[in-house]
């Protein structure tokens, strides 16, 4: 009864299964030969798990940030399994300081977005004071303080309006507080899903469209 079971297991498995069988010989085969039906079941379960782990797994697509262009202007882009879309377009509305290099700013901010996403802290985008400077930053939740800087905000005393212009969205006030003073919290998930009304300007604020395997004209 035990020999046919072992022979069937060996015959059913191809070359890739030989190594696991050799590895498991002293640990599993001998107890099966000496033991009971329980040992045979354990052998089949172990071989099945080993062969499953040995098979190559397809790569998992994830969200990636990078510096691209929108109409030849540097832009912090996000790529998801559904497609690509701009986050921040580094034009004159985003950069008020003429000494700031748009390409360098784009690359640095794209790296920060990726870092915060990878560490699970990119939940909300808001504004705040960090190291004595007004900045756009990430926050773990609404009405919570900054946990990491994205980029400096300059050129005005209305950070709420500045964030809306830079991310090209319109976020209604949650109450009767003046929109120039109420702190804005942008949900990253809602932003990706296109749930905020879009402001006119460069860059599509609709959800990412599926990518096509065709070269893009530049």
C-alpha atoms as a PDB file:
ATOM      1  CA  UNK A   1       0.000   0.000   0.000  1.00  0.00           C
ATOM      2  CA  UNK A   2       2.809   2.412   0.760  1.00  0.00           C
ATOM      3  CA  UNK A   3       5.037   1.676  -2.307  1.00  0.00           C
ATOM      4  CA  UNK A   4       2.350   2.505  -4.944  1.00  0.00           C
ATOM      5  CA  UNK A   5       1.635   5.807  -3.134  1.00  0.00           C
ATOM      6  CA  UNK A   6       5.305   6.826  -3.241  1.00  0.00           C
ATOM      7  CA  UNK A   7       5.689   5.713  -6.864  1.00  0.00           C
ATOM      8  CA  UNK A   8       2.623   7.708  -7.938  1.00  0.00           C
ATOM      9  CA  UNK A   9       3.936  10.832  -6.244  1.00  0.00           C
ATOM     10  CA  UNK A  10       7.282  10.580  -8.037  1.00  0.00           C
ATOM     11  CA  UNK A  11       5.703   9.858 -11.435  1.00  0.00           C
ATOM     12  CA  UNK A  12       3.277  12.776 -11.240  1.00  0.00           C
ATOM     13  CA  UNK A  13       5.995  15.340 -10.536  1.00  0.00           C
ATOM     14  CA  UNK A  14       8.282  16.627 -13.286  1.00  0.00           C
ATOM     15  CA  UNK A  15      11.969  17.546 -13.098  1.00  0.00           C
ATOM     16  CA  UNK A  16      11.267  20.605 -10.955  1.00  0.00           C
ATOM     17  CA  UNK A  17       9.871  18.367  -8.237  1.00  0.00           C
ATOM     18  CA  UNK A  18      12.948  16.111  -7.970  1.00  0.00           C
ATOM     19  CA  UNK A  19      14.915  18.518  -5.782  1.00  0.00           C
ATOM     20  CA  UNK A  20      12.112  18.919  -3.214  1.00  0.00           C
ATOM     21  CA  UNK A  21      11.708  15.140  -3.163  1.00  0.00           C
ATOM     22  CA  UNK A  22      15.427  14.624  -2.510  1.00  0.00           C
ATOM     23  CA  UNK A  23      15.400  17.261   0.216  1.00  0.00           C
ATOM     24  CA  UNK A  24      12.441  15.686   1.950  1.00  0.00           C
ATOM     25  CA  UNK A  25      13.695  12.076   1.687  1.00  0.00           C
ATOM     26  CA  UNK A  26      15.139  11.676   5.174  1.00  0.00           C
ATOM     27  CA  UNK A  27      12.559  13.925   6.839  1.00  0.00           C
ATOM     28  CA  UNK A  28       9.339  12.666   5.237  1.00  0.00           C
ATOM     29  CA  UNK A  29       9.760   9.580   3.047  1.00  0.00           C
ATOM     30  CA  UNK A  30      11.182   7.297   5.733  1.00  0.00           C
ATOM     31  CA  UNK A  31       8.364   8.086   8.196  1.00  0.00           C
ATOM     32  CA  UNK A  32       5.861   7.391   5.389  1.00  0.00           C
ATOM     33  CA  UNK A  33       7.414   4.029   4.588  1.00  0.00           C
ATOM     34  CA  UNK A  34       7.509   3.077   8.270  1.00  0.00           C
ATOM     35  CA  UNK A  35       4.410   4.879   9.395  1.00  0.00           C
ATOM     36  CA  UNK A  36       0.713   4.949   8.768  1.00  0.00           C
ATOM     37  CA  UNK A  37      -1.737   6.591   6.414  1.00  0.00           C
ATOM     38  CA  UNK A  38      -1.331   9.845   8.363  1.00  0.00           C
ATOM     39  CA  UNK A  39       2.282  10.025   7.246  1.00  0.00           C
ATOM     40  CA  UNK A  40       1.255   9.616   3.603  1.00  0.00           C
ATOM     41  CA  UNK A  41      -1.184  12.505   3.858  1.00  0.00           C
ATOM     42  CA  UNK A  42       1.500  14.673   5.462  1.00  0.00           C
ATOM     43  CA  UNK A  43       3.852  13.866   2.577  1.00  0.00           C
ATOM     44  CA  UNK A  44       1.310  14.928  -0.044  1.00  0.00           C
ATOM     45  CA  UNK A  45       0.559  18.166   1.805  1.00  0.00           C
ATOM     46  CA  UNK A  46       4.266  19.006   2.167  1.00  0.00           C
ATOM     47  CA  UNK A  47       5.021  18.286  -1.489  1.00  0.00           C
ATOM     48  CA  UNK A  48       2.060  20.367  -2.620  1.00  0.00           C
ATOM     49  CA  UNK A  49       3.188  23.365  -0.550  1.00  0.00           C
ATOM     50  CA  UNK A  50       6.804  23.017  -1.724  1.00  0.00           C
ATOM     51  CA  UNK A  51       5.901  22.849  -5.407  1.00  0.00           C
ATOM     52  CA  UNK A  52       3.564  25.843  -5.080  1.00  0.00           C
ATOM     53  CA  UNK A  53       6.304  27.967  -3.516  1.00  0.00           C
ATOM     54  CA  UNK A  54       8.767  26.892  -6.210  1.00  0.00           C
ATOM     55  CA  UNK A  55       6.599  28.245  -9.037  1.00  0.00           C
ATOM     56  CA  UNK A  56       7.503  31.789 -10.233  1.00  0.00           C
ATOM     57  CA  UNK A  57       4.985  34.403  -9.137  1.00  0.00           C
ATOM     58  CA  UNK A  58       3.906  37.286 -11.432  1.00  0.00           C
ATOM     59  CA  UNK A  59       5.121  40.756 -10.389  1.00  0.00           C
ATOM     60  CA  UNK A  60       2.651  42.764  -8.319  1.00  0.00           C
ATOM     61  CA  UNK A  61       1.853  46.186  -9.744  1.00  0.00           C
ATOM     62  CA  UNK A  62       1.862  48.987  -7.219  1.00  0.00           C
ATOM     63  CA  UNK A  63       1.606  52.764  -7.050  1.00  0.00           C
ATOM     64  CA  UNK A  64       4.747  54.573  -8.192  1.00  0.00           C
ATOM     65  CA  UNK A  65       5.629  58.266  -8.250  1.00  0.00           C
ATOM     66  CA  UNK A  66       8.024  59.767 -10.760  1.00  0.00           C
ATOM     67  CA  UNK A  67       8.955  63.038 -12.446  1.00  0.00           C
ATOM     68  CA  UNK A  68       7.406  63.283 -15.894  1.00  0.00           C
ATOM     69  CA  UNK A  69       6.084  66.120 -18.032  1.00  0.00           C
ATOM     70  CA  UNK A  70       2.739  67.687 -18.890  1.00  0.00           C
ATOM     71  CA  UNK A  71       2.922  69.780 -22.057  1.00  0.00           C
ATOM     72  CA  UNK A  72       6.713  69.824 -21.654  1.00  0.00           C
ATOM     73  CA  UNK A  73       6.471  71.131 -18.064  1.00  0.00           C
ATOM     74  CA  UNK A  74       8.015  69.006 -15.271  1.00  0.00           C
ATOM     75  CA  UNK A  75       5.292  67.280 -13.274  1.00  0.00           C
ATOM     76  CA  UNK A  76       5.192  64.938 -10.312  1.00  0.00           C
ATOM     77  CA  UNK A  77       3.240  61.983 -11.712  1.00  0.00           C
ATOM     78  CA  UNK A  78       1.646  58.923 -10.139  1.00  0.00           C
ATOM     79  CA  UNK A  79       1.384  55.563 -11.898  1.00  0.00           C
ATOM     80  CA  UNK A  80      -1.191  53.065 -10.650  1.00  0.00           C
ATOM     81  CA  UNK A  81      -2.321  49.719 -12.083  1.00  0.00           C
ATOM     82  CA  UNK A  82      -5.033  51.730 -13.890  1.00  0.00           C
ATOM     83  CA  UNK A  83      -2.785  54.315 -15.552  1.00  0.00           C
ATOM     84  CA  UNK A  84      -0.935  57.594 -14.973  1.00  0.00           C
ATOM     85  CA  UNK A  85      -1.992  61.051 -13.836  1.00  0.00           C
ATOM     86  CA  UNK A  86      -0.257  64.260 -12.705  1.00  0.00           C
ATOM     87  CA  UNK A  87      -0.119  65.200  -9.030  1.00  0.00           C
ATOM     88  CA  UNK A  88       1.680  68.570  -9.162  1.00  0.00           C
ATOM     89  CA  UNK A  89       2.646  70.443 -12.319  1.00  0.00           C
ATOM     90  CA  UNK A  90       5.688  72.592 -11.619  1.00  0.00           C
ATOM     91  CA  UNK A  91       4.728  75.681 -13.602  1.00  0.00           C
ATOM     92  CA  UNK A  92       4.732  79.320 -12.502  1.00  0.00           C
ATOM     93  CA  UNK A  93       1.621  78.729 -10.372  1.00  0.00           C
ATOM     94  CA  UNK A  94       3.470  76.096  -8.335  1.00  0.00           C
ATOM     95  CA  UNK A  95       6.888  77.742  -8.129  1.00  0.00           C
ATOM     96  CA  UNK A  96       6.969  81.379  -7.088  1.00  0.00           C
ATOM     97  CA  UNK A  97      10.682  81.534  -6.362  1.00  0.00           C
ATOM     98  CA  UNK A  98      12.609  82.061  -9.642  1.00  0.00           C
ATOM     99  CA  UNK A  99      15.713  80.491  -8.086  1.00  0.00           C
ATOM    100  CA  UNK A 100      13.998  77.103  -7.725  1.00  0.00           C
ATOM    101  CA  UNK A 101      14.756  74.684 -10.553  1.00  0.00           C
ATOM    102  CA  UNK A 102      11.503  73.067 -11.696  1.00  0.00           C
ATOM    103  CA  UNK A 103      13.105  69.786 -12.759  1.00  0.00           C
ATOM    104  CA  UNK A 104      15.003  69.404  -9.492  1.00  0.00           C
ATOM    105  CA  UNK A 105      11.911  70.283  -7.456  1.00  0.00           C
ATOM    106  CA  UNK A 106       9.905  67.747  -9.444  1.00  0.00           C
ATOM    107  CA  UNK A 107      12.379  64.933  -8.805  1.00  0.00           C
ATOM    108  CA  UNK A 108      12.776  65.690  -5.097  1.00  0.00           C
ATOM    109  CA  UNK A 109       9.048  65.931  -4.428  1.00  0.00           C
ATOM    110  CA  UNK A 110       8.331  62.769  -6.440  1.00  0.00           C
ATOM    111  CA  UNK A 111      10.820  60.909  -4.237  1.00  0.00           C
ATOM    112  CA  UNK A 112       9.130  62.245  -1.091  1.00  0.00           C
ATOM    113  CA  UNK A 113       5.712  61.155  -2.318  1.00  0.00           C
ATOM    114  CA  UNK A 114       7.069  57.660  -2.936  1.00  0.00           C
ATOM    115  CA  UNK A 115       8.712  57.488   0.493  1.00  0.00           C
ATOM    116  CA  UNK A 116       5.533  58.523   2.299  1.00  0.00           C
ATOM    117  CA  UNK A 117       3.452  56.123   0.234  1.00  0.00           C
ATOM    118  CA  UNK A 118       5.792  53.208   0.929  1.00  0.00           C
ATOM    119  CA  UNK A 119       5.771  53.905   4.668  1.00  0.00           C
ATOM    120  CA  UNK A 120       1.971  54.195   4.779  1.00  0.00           C
ATOM    121  CA  UNK A 121       1.889  57.866   5.821  1.00  0.00           C
ATOM    122  CA  UNK A 122       0.436  59.311   2.605  1.00  0.00           C
ATOM    123  CA  UNK A 123      -3.162  59.489   3.801  1.00  0.00           C
ATOM    124  CA  UNK A 124      -3.911  63.227   3.624  1.00  0.00           C
ATOM    125  CA  UNK A 125      -2.192  66.224   2.066  1.00  0.00           C
ATOM    126  CA  UNK A 126      -2.463  69.473   4.003  1.00  0.00           C
ATOM    127  CA  UNK A 127      -0.437  72.530   4.983  1.00  0.00           C
ATOM    128  CA  UNK A 128       1.394  73.487   8.142  1.00  0.00           C
ATOM    129  CA  UNK A 129       4.479  75.020   9.675  1.00  0.00           C
ATOM    130  CA  UNK A 130       7.571  72.836   9.784  1.00  0.00           C
ATOM    131  CA  UNK A 131      10.957  74.200  10.861  1.00  0.00           C
ATOM    132  CA  UNK A 132       9.478  77.701  10.811  1.00  0.00           C
ATOM    133  CA  UNK A 133       8.369  77.392   7.167  1.00  0.00           C
ATOM    134  CA  UNK A 134       4.911  77.116   5.603  1.00  0.00           C
ATOM    135  CA  UNK A 135       4.823  73.818   3.681  1.00  0.00           C
ATOM    136  CA  UNK A 136       2.592  71.313   1.972  1.00  0.00           C
ATOM    137  CA  UNK A 137       2.831  68.134   4.018  1.00  0.00           C
ATOM    138  CA  UNK A 138       1.320  64.725   4.664  1.00  0.00           C
ATOM    139  CA  UNK A 139      -0.854  63.936   7.663  1.00  0.00           C
ATOM    140  CA  UNK A 140      -2.122  60.606   9.035  1.00  0.00           C
ATOM    141  CA  UNK A 141      -5.723  61.848   9.266  1.00  0.00           C
ATOM    142  CA  UNK A 142      -8.013  64.837   9.089  1.00  0.00           C
ATOM    143  CA  UNK A 143      -7.369  67.554  11.677  1.00  0.00           C
ATOM    144  CA  UNK A 144      -4.017  65.985  12.511  1.00  0.00           C
ATOM    145  CA  UNK A 145      -0.638  67.742  12.305  1.00  0.00           C
ATOM    146  CA  UNK A 146       1.976  67.328   9.593  1.00  0.00           C
ATOM    147  CA  UNK A 147       4.037  64.165   9.738  1.00  0.00           C
ATOM    148  CA  UNK A 148       6.309  64.885   6.755  1.00  0.00           C
ATOM    149  CA  UNK A 149       7.088  67.746   4.395  1.00  0.00           C
ATOM    150  CA  UNK A 150       6.303  67.563   0.671  1.00  0.00           C
ATOM    151  CA  UNK A 151       7.390  71.026  -0.541  1.00  0.00           C
ATOM    152  CA  UNK A 152       7.446  74.663   0.627  1.00  0.00           C
ATOM    153  CA  UNK A 153       4.459  76.935   0.027  1.00  0.00           C
ATOM    154  CA  UNK A 154       5.286  80.516  -0.862  1.00  0.00           C
ATOM    155  CA  UNK A 155       3.788  83.568  -2.490  1.00  0.00           C
ATOM    156  CA  UNK A 156       0.701  84.115  -0.394  1.00  0.00           C
ATOM    157  CA  UNK A 157      -1.064  83.945   2.960  1.00  0.00           C
ATOM    158  CA  UNK A 158      -3.803  81.552   1.813  1.00  0.00           C
ATOM    159  CA  UNK A 159      -2.383  78.020   2.018  1.00  0.00           C
ATOM    160  CA  UNK A 160      -5.824  76.475   1.435  1.00  0.00           C
ATOM    161  CA  UNK A 161      -6.186  78.261  -1.885  1.00  0.00           C
ATOM    162  CA  UNK A 162      -2.584  77.503  -2.823  1.00  0.00           C
ATOM    163  CA  UNK A 163      -3.054  73.774  -2.292  1.00  0.00           C
ATOM    164  CA  UNK A 164      -6.229  73.752  -4.376  1.00  0.00           C
ATOM    165  CA  UNK A 165      -4.481  75.560  -7.236  1.00  0.00           C
ATOM    166  CA  UNK A 166      -1.420  73.311  -7.121  1.00  0.00           C
ATOM    167  CA  UNK A 167      -3.471  70.101  -7.089  1.00  0.00           C
ATOM    168  CA  UNK A 168      -6.038  71.644  -9.471  1.00  0.00           C
ATOM    169  CA  UNK A 169      -9.094  70.758  -7.376  1.00  0.00           C
ATOM    170  CA  UNK A 170     -11.905  72.507  -5.546  1.00  0.00           C
ATOM    171  CA  UNK A 171     -12.655  71.379  -1.983  1.00  0.00           C
ATOM    172  CA  UNK A 172     -15.720  72.901  -0.352  1.00  0.00           C
ATOM    173  CA  UNK A 173     -15.453  74.217   3.175  1.00  0.00           C
ATOM    174  CA  UNK A 174     -16.766  71.860   5.833  1.00  0.00           C
ATOM    175  CA  UNK A 175     -18.457  74.710   7.710  1.00  0.00           C
ATOM    176  CA  UNK A 176     -19.039  78.445   7.873  1.00  0.00           C
ATOM    177  CA  UNK A 177     -15.351  79.159   8.518  1.00  0.00           C
ATOM    178  CA  UNK A 178     -13.776  81.441   5.930  1.00  0.00           C
ATOM    179  CA  UNK A 179     -12.094  79.371   3.229  1.00  0.00           C
ATOM    180  CA  UNK A 180      -8.976  81.515   3.404  1.00  0.00           C
ATOM    181  CA  UNK A 181      -8.284  80.441   6.995  1.00  0.00           C
ATOM    182  CA  UNK A 182      -9.699  76.905   7.296  1.00  0.00           C
ATOM    183  CA  UNK A 183      -7.047  74.250   6.964  1.00  0.00           C
ATOM    184  CA  UNK A 184      -7.468  72.029   3.919  1.00  0.00           C
ATOM    185  CA  UNK A 185      -7.104  68.244   4.041  1.00  0.00           C
ATOM    186  CA  UNK A 186      -6.946  66.414   0.706  1.00  0.00           C
ATOM    187  CA  UNK A 187      -7.650  62.685   0.900  1.00  0.00           C
ATOM    188  CA  UNK A 188      -5.093  60.886  -1.246  1.00  0.00           C
ATOM    189  CA  UNK A 189      -7.517  58.075  -2.081  1.00  0.00           C
ATOM    190  CA  UNK A 190     -10.252  60.506  -3.134  1.00  0.00           C
ATOM    191  CA  UNK A 191      -7.744  62.451  -5.193  1.00  0.00           C
ATOM    192  CA  UNK A 192      -6.685  59.332  -7.106  1.00  0.00           C
ATOM    193  CA  UNK A 193     -10.312  58.392  -7.695  1.00  0.00           C
ATOM    194  CA  UNK A 194     -11.154  61.838  -9.111  1.00  0.00           C
ATOM    195  CA  UNK A 195     -13.708  62.597  -6.399  1.00  0.00           C
ATOM    196  CA  UNK A 196     -12.796  66.289  -6.107  1.00  0.00           C
ATOM    197  CA  UNK A 197     -14.170  68.839  -8.608  1.00  0.00           C
ATOM    198  CA  UNK A 198     -11.502  69.855 -11.082  1.00  0.00           C
ATOM    199  CA  UNK A 199     -10.196  73.365 -11.565  1.00  0.00           C
ATOM    200  CA  UNK A 200      -9.468  74.456 -15.148  1.00  0.00           C
ATOM    201  CA  UNK A 201      -5.838  74.281 -16.200  1.00  0.00           C
ATOM    202  CA  UNK A 202      -3.137  71.820 -17.164  1.00  0.00           C
ATOM    203  CA  UNK A 203      -3.450  68.166 -16.288  1.00  0.00           C
ATOM    204  CA  UNK A 204      -6.402  65.821 -16.188  1.00  0.00           C
ATOM    205  CA  UNK A 205      -8.057  65.354 -12.808  1.00  0.00           C
ATOM    206  CA  UNK A 206     -10.153  62.402 -13.906  1.00  0.00           C
ATOM    207  CA  UNK A 207      -9.218  58.946 -12.572  1.00  0.00           C
ATOM    208  CA  UNK A 208      -6.287  57.312 -14.398  1.00  0.00           C
ATOM    209  CA  UNK A 209      -7.199  55.631 -17.672  1.00  0.00           C
ATOM    210  CA  UNK A 210      -5.786  52.181 -18.468  1.00  0.00           C
ATOM    211  CA  UNK A 211      -2.349  52.279 -20.054  1.00  0.00           C
ATOM    212  CA  UNK A 212      -1.963  51.177 -23.651  1.00  0.00           C
ATOM    213  CA  UNK A 213       1.119  49.516 -25.066  1.00  0.00           C
ATOM    214  CA  UNK A 214       1.716  52.195 -27.666  1.00  0.00           C
ATOM    215  CA  UNK A 215       4.504  54.812 -27.781  1.00  0.00           C
ATOM    216  CA  UNK A 216       3.486  58.293 -26.678  1.00  0.00           C
ATOM    217  CA  UNK A 217       4.373  61.233 -28.889  1.00  0.00           C
ATOM    218  CA  UNK A 218       6.457  63.974 -27.346  1.00  0.00           C
END
